[in-house]
Amino acid sequence: MAKCGCSGQSCSCALVAGANVDIIGTGAATNPFRISARPLNLAVTDTATVNLTLTGDGSTTNPWTISGDFIGTIQPPDWTTAESRSWSGAVSLTDVTAPRTIRITMTGNVTAITLPTWASSVSGSITLIVSQDATGGRTWVMPGTSSFGIDVVLTPTPSARDLIVFFWTGIQWIVVPSAMNVS
């Protein structure tokens, strides 16, 4: 407020209000300026997924209130039917052309995993629920790039389950260990 010439308890500011704008107060510490506006043409428009409501008249005792009710649905980004596969040796996920959840049973060590290449204009995930068989100790050669810069090591305990997400950025696959050794 120094540019307005304020010092101590008073100000020498010249404030000018335009149409539908009110300024009250003197600018003093005990009676500060209060600026309010009264728009004359305020309206809300519903969308296909949101019903909007406008109430109030814009006054200080009955201010404008805009509220909305969501009436649409949100599909989870990887909402698909889960499938089951057994893995051992060299495996391929090139048949996966869209986000998917796959339950994997490790029946042997996995020596290679081939991932699909999706379009650069999309992103999405392949969620794996990797279970050790009753033998346990099954290993894999981790594909892609880890989000932590280190290989994701599967829990070796027999019947252990790990939740791992492969996320396609539009450029590369990022491997994210989401929940290890879940029961």
N, C-alpha and C. Protein backbone atom coordinates (compact mmCIF):
# COMPACT_ATOMS: atom_id res chain seq x y z
N MET A 1 0.82 -1.20 0.00
CA MET A 1 0.00 0.00 0.00
C MET A 1 0.86 1.26 0.00
N ALA A 2 2.18 1.14 0.10
CA ALA A 2 3.03 2.32 0.12
C ALA A 2 2.85 3.15 -1.14
N LYS A 3 2.58 2.52 -2.28
CA LYS A 3 2.38 3.26 -3.52
C LYS A 3 1.10 4.08 -3.49
N CYS A 4 0.17 3.73 -2.61
CA CYS A 4 -1.07 4.49 -2.49
C CYS A 4 -0.93 5.64 -1.51
N GLY A 5 0.18 5.74 -0.84
CA GLY A 5 0.35 6.80 0.14
C GLY A 5 -0.20 6.44 1.50
N CYS A 6 -0.15 5.14 1.86
CA CYS A 6 -0.65 4.71 3.15
C CYS A 6 0.47 4.82 4.19
N SER A 7 0.10 5.31 5.33
CA SER A 7 1.02 5.31 6.46
C SER A 7 0.18 5.39 7.72
N GLY A 8 0.60 4.64 8.72
CA GLY A 8 -0.16 4.65 9.96
C GLY A 8 -1.56 4.14 9.77
N GLN A 9 -2.54 4.96 10.17
CA GLN A 9 -3.93 4.55 10.14
C GLN A 9 -4.72 5.09 8.95
N SER A 10 -4.08 5.78 7.99
CA SER A 10 -4.86 6.35 6.89
C SER A 10 -4.15 6.13 5.56
N CYS A 11 -4.92 6.21 4.49
CA CYS A 11 -4.42 6.07 3.13
C CYS A 11 -4.97 7.22 2.30
N SER A 12 -4.15 7.63 1.32
CA SER A 12 -4.60 8.70 0.43
C SER A 12 -4.82 8.16 -0.98
N CYS A 13 -5.27 6.92 -1.08
CA CYS A 13 -5.49 6.29 -2.38
C CYS A 13 -6.78 6.81 -3.00
N ALA A 14 -6.74 6.92 -4.31
CA ALA A 14 -7.94 7.27 -5.05
C ALA A 14 -8.36 6.02 -5.80
N LEU A 15 -9.42 5.39 -5.36
CA LEU A 15 -9.91 4.19 -6.01
C LEU A 15 -11.17 4.55 -6.79
N VAL A 16 -11.24 4.05 -8.03
CA VAL A 16 -12.37 4.35 -8.89
C VAL A 16 -13.02 3.02 -9.27
N ALA A 17 -14.31 2.92 -9.10
CA ALA A 17 -15.04 1.69 -9.42
C ALA A 17 -15.72 1.84 -10.76
N GLY A 18 -15.68 0.75 -11.52
CA GLY A 18 -16.38 0.71 -12.79
C GLY A 18 -17.83 0.30 -12.58
N ALA A 19 -18.52 0.05 -13.68
CA ALA A 19 -19.92 -0.35 -13.61
C ALA A 19 -20.05 -1.66 -12.84
N ASN A 20 -21.05 -1.74 -11.99
CA ASN A 20 -21.37 -2.93 -11.20
C ASN A 20 -20.29 -3.31 -10.20
N VAL A 21 -19.42 -2.37 -9.83
CA VAL A 21 -18.38 -2.60 -8.83
C VAL A 21 -18.60 -1.62 -7.70
N ASP A 22 -18.56 -2.12 -6.47
CA ASP A 22 -18.72 -1.27 -5.30
C ASP A 22 -17.42 -1.24 -4.52
N ILE A 23 -17.07 -0.06 -4.00
CA ILE A 23 -15.93 0.09 -3.11
C ILE A 23 -16.46 0.74 -1.84
N ILE A 24 -16.21 0.08 -0.72
CA ILE A 24 -16.62 0.66 0.56
C ILE A 24 -15.39 0.74 1.45
N GLY A 25 -15.45 1.52 2.46
CA GLY A 25 -14.35 1.69 3.41
C GLY A 25 -13.53 2.92 3.07
N THR A 26 -12.67 3.29 4.02
CA THR A 26 -11.84 4.48 3.85
C THR A 26 -10.38 4.15 3.60
N GLY A 27 -10.04 2.89 3.72
CA GLY A 27 -8.65 2.50 3.55
C GLY A 27 -7.87 2.51 4.85
N ALA A 28 -8.52 2.91 5.92
CA ALA A 28 -7.86 2.91 7.23
C ALA A 28 -7.76 1.49 7.74
N ALA A 29 -6.84 1.25 8.66
CA ALA A 29 -6.67 -0.08 9.24
C ALA A 29 -7.96 -0.55 9.91
N THR A 30 -8.71 0.36 10.49
CA THR A 30 -9.96 -0.01 11.15
C THR A 30 -11.14 -0.05 10.19
N ASN A 31 -11.00 0.51 8.98
CA ASN A 31 -12.06 0.53 7.99
C ASN A 31 -11.44 0.32 6.60
N PRO A 32 -10.90 -0.90 6.33
CA PRO A 32 -10.18 -1.12 5.06
C PRO A 32 -11.13 -1.05 3.86
N PHE A 33 -10.50 -0.84 2.69
CA PHE A 33 -11.28 -0.89 1.45
C PHE A 33 -11.84 -2.29 1.26
N ARG A 34 -13.08 -2.36 0.80
CA ARG A 34 -13.68 -3.62 0.42
C ARG A 34 -14.26 -3.44 -0.97
N ILE A 35 -13.82 -4.28 -1.88
CA ILE A 35 -14.24 -4.17 -3.27
C ILE A 35 -15.09 -5.38 -3.61
N SER A 36 -16.24 -5.16 -4.17
CA SER A 36 -17.10 -6.26 -4.57
C SER A 36 -17.69 -5.95 -5.95
N ALA A 37 -18.05 -7.01 -6.64
CA ALA A 37 -18.62 -6.84 -7.98
C ALA A 37 -19.95 -7.55 -8.05
N ARG A 38 -20.84 -7.00 -8.87
CA ARG A 38 -22.14 -7.60 -9.08
C ARG A 38 -22.29 -7.90 -10.57
N PRO A 39 -21.88 -9.10 -11.00
CA PRO A 39 -22.09 -9.40 -12.43
C PRO A 39 -23.59 -9.50 -12.71
N LEU A 40 -24.00 -8.97 -13.82
CA LEU A 40 -25.41 -8.95 -14.15
C LEU A 40 -25.85 -10.19 -14.92
N ASN A 41 -24.96 -10.77 -15.69
CA ASN A 41 -25.32 -11.89 -16.56
C ASN A 41 -24.49 -13.11 -16.20
N LEU A 42 -24.80 -13.76 -15.13
CA LEU A 42 -24.09 -14.96 -14.72
C LEU A 42 -25.02 -16.14 -14.95
N ALA A 43 -24.52 -17.15 -15.65
CA ALA A 43 -25.33 -18.33 -15.95
C ALA A 43 -24.43 -19.55 -15.91
N VAL A 44 -25.00 -20.71 -15.70
CA VAL A 44 -24.28 -21.97 -15.76
C VAL A 44 -24.95 -22.85 -16.81
N THR A 45 -24.15 -23.71 -17.40
CA THR A 45 -24.66 -24.61 -18.43
C THR A 45 -24.31 -26.04 -18.06
N ASP A 46 -25.31 -26.92 -18.06
CA ASP A 46 -25.08 -28.33 -17.78
C ASP A 46 -24.27 -28.97 -18.90
N THR A 47 -23.58 -30.05 -18.57
CA THR A 47 -22.92 -30.86 -19.58
C THR A 47 -23.56 -32.24 -19.56
N ALA A 48 -23.06 -33.12 -20.39
CA ALA A 48 -23.63 -34.48 -20.44
C ALA A 48 -23.35 -35.25 -19.16
N THR A 49 -22.34 -34.83 -18.40
CA THR A 49 -21.99 -35.58 -17.19
C THR A 49 -22.12 -34.77 -15.91
N VAL A 50 -22.41 -33.47 -16.00
CA VAL A 50 -22.52 -32.65 -14.79
C VAL A 50 -23.76 -31.76 -14.89
N ASN A 51 -24.61 -31.82 -13.86
CA ASN A 51 -25.74 -30.89 -13.72
C ASN A 51 -25.26 -29.76 -12.82
N LEU A 52 -25.30 -28.54 -13.31
CA LEU A 52 -24.86 -27.38 -12.54
C LEU A 52 -26.06 -26.58 -12.03
N THR A 53 -25.90 -25.98 -10.85
CA THR A 53 -26.94 -25.16 -10.26
C THR A 53 -26.34 -23.84 -9.81
N LEU A 54 -27.02 -22.74 -10.11
CA LEU A 54 -26.60 -21.41 -9.70
C LEU A 54 -27.66 -20.85 -8.76
N THR A 55 -27.24 -20.46 -7.56
CA THR A 55 -28.18 -19.85 -6.61
C THR A 55 -27.58 -18.54 -6.11
N GLY A 56 -28.40 -17.73 -5.50
CA GLY A 56 -27.97 -16.46 -4.93
C GLY A 56 -28.20 -15.32 -5.90
N ASP A 57 -27.99 -14.07 -5.37
CA ASP A 57 -28.16 -12.89 -6.22
C ASP A 57 -26.88 -12.06 -6.31
N GLY A 58 -25.79 -12.55 -5.72
CA GLY A 58 -24.51 -11.85 -5.80
C GLY A 58 -24.30 -10.82 -4.72
N SER A 59 -25.27 -10.65 -3.83
CA SER A 59 -25.11 -9.66 -2.76
C SER A 59 -24.25 -10.27 -1.65
N THR A 60 -23.83 -9.43 -0.72
CA THR A 60 -23.01 -9.92 0.39
C THR A 60 -23.80 -10.84 1.30
N THR A 61 -25.10 -10.67 1.36
CA THR A 61 -25.92 -11.54 2.22
C THR A 61 -26.41 -12.78 1.50
N ASN A 62 -26.39 -12.78 0.16
CA ASN A 62 -26.84 -13.91 -0.63
C ASN A 62 -25.90 -14.08 -1.83
N PRO A 63 -24.64 -14.49 -1.58
CA PRO A 63 -23.66 -14.55 -2.67
C PRO A 63 -24.00 -15.65 -3.67
N TRP A 64 -23.38 -15.51 -4.87
CA TRP A 64 -23.54 -16.54 -5.89
C TRP A 64 -22.96 -17.85 -5.37
N THR A 65 -23.65 -18.94 -5.60
CA THR A 65 -23.15 -20.27 -5.28
C THR A 65 -23.39 -21.16 -6.49
N ILE A 66 -22.30 -21.76 -6.96
CA ILE A 66 -22.41 -22.69 -8.09
C ILE A 66 -22.10 -24.08 -7.55
N SER A 67 -22.99 -25.02 -7.81
CA SER A 67 -22.75 -26.40 -7.37
C SER A 67 -23.01 -27.32 -8.55
N GLY A 68 -22.41 -28.48 -8.48
CA GLY A 68 -22.57 -29.44 -9.56
C GLY A 68 -22.78 -30.84 -9.04
N ASP A 69 -23.56 -31.61 -9.75
CA ASP A 69 -23.78 -33.02 -9.45
C ASP A 69 -23.28 -33.84 -10.61
N PHE A 70 -22.37 -34.76 -10.34
CA PHE A 70 -21.83 -35.62 -11.38
C PHE A 70 -22.87 -36.69 -11.71
N ILE A 71 -23.24 -36.80 -12.98
CA ILE A 71 -24.27 -37.77 -13.38
C ILE A 71 -23.74 -38.79 -14.37
N GLY A 72 -22.44 -38.69 -14.69
CA GLY A 72 -21.85 -39.61 -15.66
C GLY A 72 -21.26 -40.83 -14.99
N THR A 73 -20.46 -41.55 -15.74
CA THR A 73 -19.72 -42.69 -15.21
C THR A 73 -18.26 -42.54 -15.59
N ILE A 74 -17.39 -43.06 -14.75
CA ILE A 74 -15.96 -43.05 -15.02
C ILE A 74 -15.51 -44.49 -15.16
N GLN A 75 -14.99 -44.82 -16.32
CA GLN A 75 -14.45 -46.15 -16.53
C GLN A 75 -13.01 -46.16 -16.03
N PRO A 76 -12.64 -47.13 -15.24
CA PRO A 76 -11.23 -47.23 -14.86
C PRO A 76 -10.38 -47.35 -16.12
N PRO A 77 -9.17 -46.74 -16.12
CA PRO A 77 -8.39 -46.71 -17.35
C PRO A 77 -7.98 -48.07 -17.86
N ASP A 78 -7.87 -49.08 -17.01
CA ASP A 78 -7.49 -50.39 -17.50
C ASP A 78 -8.55 -51.43 -17.17
N TRP A 79 -9.81 -51.00 -17.31
CA TRP A 79 -10.94 -51.88 -17.01
C TRP A 79 -11.06 -52.92 -18.11
N THR A 80 -10.58 -54.12 -17.82
CA THR A 80 -10.66 -55.22 -18.77
C THR A 80 -10.85 -56.51 -17.99
N THR A 81 -11.21 -57.53 -18.70
CA THR A 81 -11.31 -58.84 -18.08
C THR A 81 -9.91 -59.35 -17.81
N ALA A 82 -9.69 -59.85 -16.61
CA ALA A 82 -8.38 -60.42 -16.28
C ALA A 82 -8.26 -61.79 -16.92
N GLU A 83 -7.05 -62.16 -17.25
CA GLU A 83 -6.80 -63.47 -17.82
C GLU A 83 -5.67 -64.14 -17.06
N SER A 84 -5.51 -65.42 -17.26
CA SER A 84 -4.46 -66.17 -16.57
C SER A 84 -3.52 -66.79 -17.59
N ARG A 85 -2.22 -66.82 -17.23
CA ARG A 85 -1.20 -67.43 -18.07
C ARG A 85 -0.17 -68.12 -17.17
N SER A 86 0.51 -69.12 -17.74
CA SER A 86 1.65 -69.75 -17.08
C SER A 86 2.90 -69.31 -17.82
N TRP A 87 3.96 -69.01 -17.06
CA TRP A 87 5.19 -68.53 -17.68
C TRP A 87 6.35 -69.43 -17.34
N SER A 88 7.16 -69.68 -18.35
CA SER A 88 8.42 -70.40 -18.21
C SER A 88 9.19 -70.19 -19.50
N GLY A 89 10.51 -70.03 -19.42
CA GLY A 89 11.31 -69.82 -20.63
C GLY A 89 11.10 -68.44 -21.21
N ALA A 90 11.10 -68.32 -22.52
CA ALA A 90 10.88 -67.05 -23.20
C ALA A 90 9.37 -66.83 -23.37
N VAL A 91 8.88 -65.67 -22.93
CA VAL A 91 7.45 -65.38 -23.03
C VAL A 91 7.24 -64.09 -23.81
N SER A 92 6.05 -63.93 -24.34
CA SER A 92 5.73 -62.77 -25.14
C SER A 92 4.41 -62.16 -24.69
N LEU A 93 4.39 -60.84 -24.65
CA LEU A 93 3.15 -60.10 -24.39
C LEU A 93 2.76 -59.28 -25.62
N THR A 94 3.31 -59.62 -26.78
CA THR A 94 3.03 -58.83 -27.98
C THR A 94 1.57 -58.92 -28.41
N ASP A 95 0.83 -59.92 -27.93
CA ASP A 95 -0.59 -60.03 -28.26
C ASP A 95 -1.45 -59.07 -27.43
N VAL A 96 -0.86 -58.42 -26.44
CA VAL A 96 -1.60 -57.48 -25.60
C VAL A 96 -1.60 -56.12 -26.30
N THR A 97 -2.74 -55.74 -26.83
CA THR A 97 -2.84 -54.52 -27.64
C THR A 97 -3.52 -53.37 -26.91
N ALA A 98 -3.95 -53.60 -25.67
CA ALA A 98 -4.62 -52.57 -24.89
C ALA A 98 -4.39 -52.88 -23.41
N PRO A 99 -4.65 -51.92 -22.52
CA PRO A 99 -4.46 -52.18 -21.09
C PRO A 99 -5.15 -53.47 -20.66
N ARG A 100 -4.49 -54.20 -19.76
CA ARG A 100 -5.00 -55.51 -19.37
C ARG A 100 -4.39 -55.91 -18.03
N THR A 101 -5.09 -56.77 -17.31
CA THR A 101 -4.57 -57.40 -16.10
C THR A 101 -4.37 -58.88 -16.39
N ILE A 102 -3.18 -59.38 -16.05
CA ILE A 102 -2.86 -60.78 -16.33
C ILE A 102 -2.35 -61.43 -15.06
N ARG A 103 -2.96 -62.56 -14.70
CA ARG A 103 -2.51 -63.37 -13.56
C ARG A 103 -1.50 -64.38 -14.11
N ILE A 104 -0.27 -64.31 -13.62
CA ILE A 104 0.81 -65.16 -14.10
C ILE A 104 1.16 -66.18 -13.02
N THR A 105 1.30 -67.45 -13.41
CA THR A 105 1.87 -68.47 -12.52
C THR A 105 3.24 -68.82 -13.09
N MET A 106 4.27 -68.61 -12.29
CA MET A 106 5.63 -68.93 -12.71
C MET A 106 5.83 -70.43 -12.52
N THR A 107 5.97 -71.16 -13.64
CA THR A 107 6.17 -72.61 -13.57
C THR A 107 7.62 -72.99 -13.88
N GLY A 108 8.44 -71.99 -14.14
CA GLY A 108 9.87 -72.18 -14.41
C GLY A 108 10.49 -70.80 -14.49
N ASN A 109 11.80 -70.72 -14.63
CA ASN A 109 12.47 -69.43 -14.78
C ASN A 109 12.14 -68.83 -16.13
N VAL A 110 11.94 -67.52 -16.15
CA VAL A 110 11.64 -66.82 -17.39
C VAL A 110 12.94 -66.21 -17.90
N THR A 111 13.33 -66.61 -19.11
CA THR A 111 14.61 -66.19 -19.68
C THR A 111 14.51 -64.93 -20.53
N ALA A 112 13.32 -64.58 -20.99
CA ALA A 112 13.13 -63.36 -21.79
C ALA A 112 11.64 -63.02 -21.81
N ILE A 113 11.36 -61.72 -21.84
CA ILE A 113 9.98 -61.25 -21.97
C ILE A 113 9.95 -60.24 -23.11
N THR A 114 9.13 -60.49 -24.10
CA THR A 114 8.97 -59.56 -25.21
C THR A 114 7.70 -58.75 -24.97
N LEU A 115 7.87 -57.42 -24.91
CA LEU A 115 6.74 -56.52 -24.68
C LEU A 115 6.23 -55.97 -26.00
N PRO A 116 4.94 -55.60 -26.05
CA PRO A 116 4.41 -55.01 -27.28
C PRO A 116 4.93 -53.59 -27.45
N THR A 117 4.78 -53.06 -28.63
CA THR A 117 5.05 -51.65 -28.88
C THR A 117 3.74 -51.01 -29.27
N TRP A 118 3.23 -50.18 -28.37
CA TRP A 118 1.97 -49.48 -28.64
C TRP A 118 2.28 -48.16 -29.34
N ALA A 119 1.28 -47.52 -29.86
CA ALA A 119 1.45 -46.25 -30.56
C ALA A 119 2.01 -45.18 -29.63
N SER A 120 2.75 -44.25 -30.20
CA SER A 120 3.33 -43.17 -29.39
C SER A 120 2.27 -42.18 -28.93
N SER A 121 1.08 -42.24 -29.48
CA SER A 121 0.01 -41.31 -29.12
C SER A 121 -0.85 -41.82 -27.98
N VAL A 122 -0.51 -42.98 -27.40
CA VAL A 122 -1.30 -43.53 -26.30
C VAL A 122 -0.39 -43.88 -25.14
N SER A 123 -1.00 -44.06 -23.99
CA SER A 123 -0.29 -44.60 -22.83
C SER A 123 -1.26 -45.54 -22.12
N GLY A 124 -0.72 -46.42 -21.33
CA GLY A 124 -1.57 -47.36 -20.62
C GLY A 124 -0.71 -48.38 -19.89
N SER A 125 -1.36 -49.33 -19.25
CA SER A 125 -0.61 -50.26 -18.43
C SER A 125 -1.05 -51.70 -18.63
N ILE A 126 -0.10 -52.57 -18.38
CA ILE A 126 -0.37 -54.00 -18.27
C ILE A 126 -0.04 -54.34 -16.83
N THR A 127 -1.04 -54.78 -16.08
CA THR A 127 -0.85 -55.12 -14.68
C THR A 127 -0.66 -56.63 -14.57
N LEU A 128 0.44 -57.02 -13.93
CA LEU A 128 0.72 -58.44 -13.73
C LEU A 128 0.58 -58.80 -12.27
N ILE A 129 -0.10 -59.90 -12.01
CA ILE A 129 -0.13 -60.49 -10.68
C ILE A 129 0.69 -61.78 -10.83
N VAL A 130 1.95 -61.71 -10.40
CA VAL A 130 2.90 -62.80 -10.63
C VAL A 130 2.94 -63.69 -9.39
N SER A 131 2.59 -64.97 -9.58
CA SER A 131 2.59 -65.94 -8.46
C SER A 131 3.65 -66.99 -8.69
N GLN A 132 4.39 -67.29 -7.65
CA GLN A 132 5.31 -68.42 -7.68
C GLN A 132 4.47 -69.69 -7.59
N ASP A 133 4.92 -70.75 -8.24
CA ASP A 133 4.22 -72.02 -8.08
C ASP A 133 4.62 -72.63 -6.73
N ALA A 134 4.20 -73.85 -6.46
CA ALA A 134 4.47 -74.50 -5.16
C ALA A 134 5.97 -74.72 -4.93
N THR A 135 6.76 -74.75 -6.01
CA THR A 135 8.21 -74.91 -5.87
C THR A 135 8.85 -73.61 -5.41
N GLY A 136 8.42 -72.48 -5.99
CA GLY A 136 8.98 -71.18 -5.63
C GLY A 136 10.38 -70.99 -6.20
N GLY A 137 10.96 -69.84 -5.92
CA GLY A 137 12.31 -69.54 -6.36
C GLY A 137 12.42 -69.25 -7.85
N ARG A 138 11.32 -69.07 -8.55
CA ARG A 138 11.35 -68.80 -9.99
C ARG A 138 11.83 -67.37 -10.21
N THR A 139 12.64 -67.18 -11.23
CA THR A 139 13.20 -65.86 -11.53
C THR A 139 12.75 -65.42 -12.91
N TRP A 140 12.99 -64.15 -13.22
CA TRP A 140 12.68 -63.62 -14.54
C TRP A 140 13.75 -62.65 -14.96
N VAL A 141 13.85 -62.45 -16.25
CA VAL A 141 14.70 -61.41 -16.81
C VAL A 141 13.76 -60.22 -17.00
N MET A 142 13.97 -59.19 -16.17
CA MET A 142 13.05 -58.06 -16.18
C MET A 142 13.13 -57.29 -17.49
N PRO A 143 11.99 -57.07 -18.13
CA PRO A 143 11.97 -56.29 -19.37
C PRO A 143 11.80 -54.81 -19.06
N GLY A 144 12.06 -53.97 -20.02
CA GLY A 144 11.77 -52.55 -19.87
C GLY A 144 12.72 -51.87 -18.91
N THR A 145 12.34 -50.67 -18.47
CA THR A 145 13.13 -49.85 -17.57
C THR A 145 12.41 -49.75 -16.25
N SER A 146 13.11 -50.02 -15.16
CA SER A 146 12.49 -49.94 -13.84
C SER A 146 12.32 -48.49 -13.43
N SER A 147 11.25 -48.20 -12.71
CA SER A 147 11.03 -46.85 -12.21
C SER A 147 12.07 -46.47 -11.17
N PHE A 148 12.76 -47.44 -10.59
CA PHE A 148 13.76 -47.17 -9.57
C PHE A 148 15.18 -47.34 -10.11
N GLY A 149 15.31 -47.70 -11.39
CA GLY A 149 16.62 -47.88 -11.99
C GLY A 149 17.31 -49.18 -11.61
N ILE A 150 16.60 -50.08 -10.94
CA ILE A 150 17.16 -51.38 -10.58
C ILE A 150 16.18 -52.47 -11.01
N ASP A 151 16.70 -53.67 -11.19
CA ASP A 151 15.83 -54.77 -11.58
C ASP A 151 14.81 -55.08 -10.49
N VAL A 152 13.60 -55.42 -10.90
CA VAL A 152 12.57 -55.85 -9.97
C VAL A 152 12.77 -57.35 -9.75
N VAL A 153 13.01 -57.73 -8.51
CA VAL A 153 13.25 -59.14 -8.16
C VAL A 153 11.95 -59.71 -7.58
N LEU A 154 11.53 -60.83 -8.13
CA LEU A 154 10.31 -61.48 -7.66
C LEU A 154 10.52 -62.10 -6.29
N THR A 155 9.47 -62.11 -5.48
CA THR A 155 9.52 -62.77 -4.18
C THR A 155 9.66 -64.27 -4.42
N PRO A 156 10.72 -64.93 -3.87
CA PRO A 156 10.99 -66.34 -4.20
C PRO A 156 10.18 -67.37 -3.42
N THR A 157 9.48 -66.97 -2.38
CA THR A 157 8.75 -67.90 -1.52
C THR A 157 7.71 -68.66 -2.33
N PRO A 158 7.59 -69.99 -2.12
CA PRO A 158 6.55 -70.75 -2.83
C PRO A 158 5.17 -70.10 -2.63
N SER A 159 4.41 -69.98 -3.69
CA SER A 159 3.06 -69.40 -3.73
C SER A 159 3.03 -67.90 -3.45
N ALA A 160 4.18 -67.23 -3.38
CA ALA A 160 4.20 -65.77 -3.16
C ALA A 160 3.62 -65.06 -4.38
N ARG A 161 3.01 -63.90 -4.13
CA ARG A 161 2.45 -63.10 -5.22
C ARG A 161 3.01 -61.70 -5.20
N ASP A 162 3.35 -61.18 -6.38
CA ASP A 162 3.84 -59.82 -6.55
C ASP A 162 2.94 -59.12 -7.57
N LEU A 163 2.63 -57.86 -7.30
CA LEU A 163 1.83 -57.05 -8.22
C LEU A 163 2.79 -56.08 -8.90
N ILE A 164 2.90 -56.20 -10.21
CA ILE A 164 3.85 -55.40 -10.98
C ILE A 164 3.10 -54.77 -12.15
N VAL A 165 3.36 -53.48 -12.38
CA VAL A 165 2.70 -52.76 -13.46
C VAL A 165 3.74 -52.39 -14.51
N PHE A 166 3.43 -52.73 -15.75
CA PHE A 166 4.22 -52.25 -16.89
C PHE A 166 3.44 -51.06 -17.44
N PHE A 167 4.05 -49.87 -17.42
CA PHE A 167 3.37 -48.66 -17.89
C PHE A 167 4.02 -48.18 -19.18
N TRP A 168 3.21 -48.05 -20.25
CA TRP A 168 3.68 -47.56 -21.54
C TRP A 168 3.54 -46.04 -21.55
N THR A 169 4.66 -45.32 -21.73
CA THR A 169 4.67 -43.85 -21.71
C THR A 169 4.38 -43.24 -23.07
N GLY A 170 4.27 -44.06 -24.09
CA GLY A 170 4.19 -43.56 -25.45
C GLY A 170 5.54 -43.66 -26.13
N ILE A 171 6.57 -43.92 -25.32
CA ILE A 171 7.93 -44.05 -25.83
C ILE A 171 8.58 -45.35 -25.36
N GLN A 172 8.34 -45.69 -24.10
CA GLN A 172 8.98 -46.87 -23.52
C GLN A 172 8.11 -47.47 -22.43
N TRP A 173 8.46 -48.68 -22.02
CA TRP A 173 7.80 -49.36 -20.91
C TRP A 173 8.58 -49.05 -19.64
N ILE A 174 7.85 -48.68 -18.58
CA ILE A 174 8.42 -48.49 -17.26
C ILE A 174 7.84 -49.61 -16.38
N VAL A 175 8.72 -50.32 -15.66
CA VAL A 175 8.29 -51.44 -14.80
C VAL A 175 8.22 -50.91 -13.36
N VAL A 176 7.04 -51.03 -12.76
CA VAL A 176 6.82 -50.48 -11.42
C VAL A 176 6.37 -51.61 -10.49
N PRO A 177 7.20 -51.95 -9.49
CA PRO A 177 6.75 -52.94 -8.50
C PRO A 177 5.72 -52.28 -7.59
N SER A 178 4.46 -52.65 -7.72
CA SER A 178 3.40 -51.98 -6.98
C SER A 178 3.18 -52.54 -5.58
N ALA A 179 3.18 -53.85 -5.46
CA ALA A 179 3.00 -54.49 -4.15
C ALA A 179 3.69 -55.84 -4.20
N MET A 180 4.72 -55.97 -3.42
CA MET A 180 5.49 -57.21 -3.45
C MET A 180 5.09 -58.08 -2.27
N ASN A 181 5.05 -59.40 -2.52
CA ASN A 181 4.74 -60.41 -1.51
C ASN A 181 3.39 -60.13 -0.85
N VAL A 182 2.35 -60.00 -1.68
CA VAL A 182 1.00 -59.79 -1.15
C VAL A 182 0.35 -61.14 -0.90
N SER A 183 -0.57 -61.17 0.05
CA SER A 183 -1.23 -62.44 0.34
C SER A 183 -2.66 -62.43 -0.14
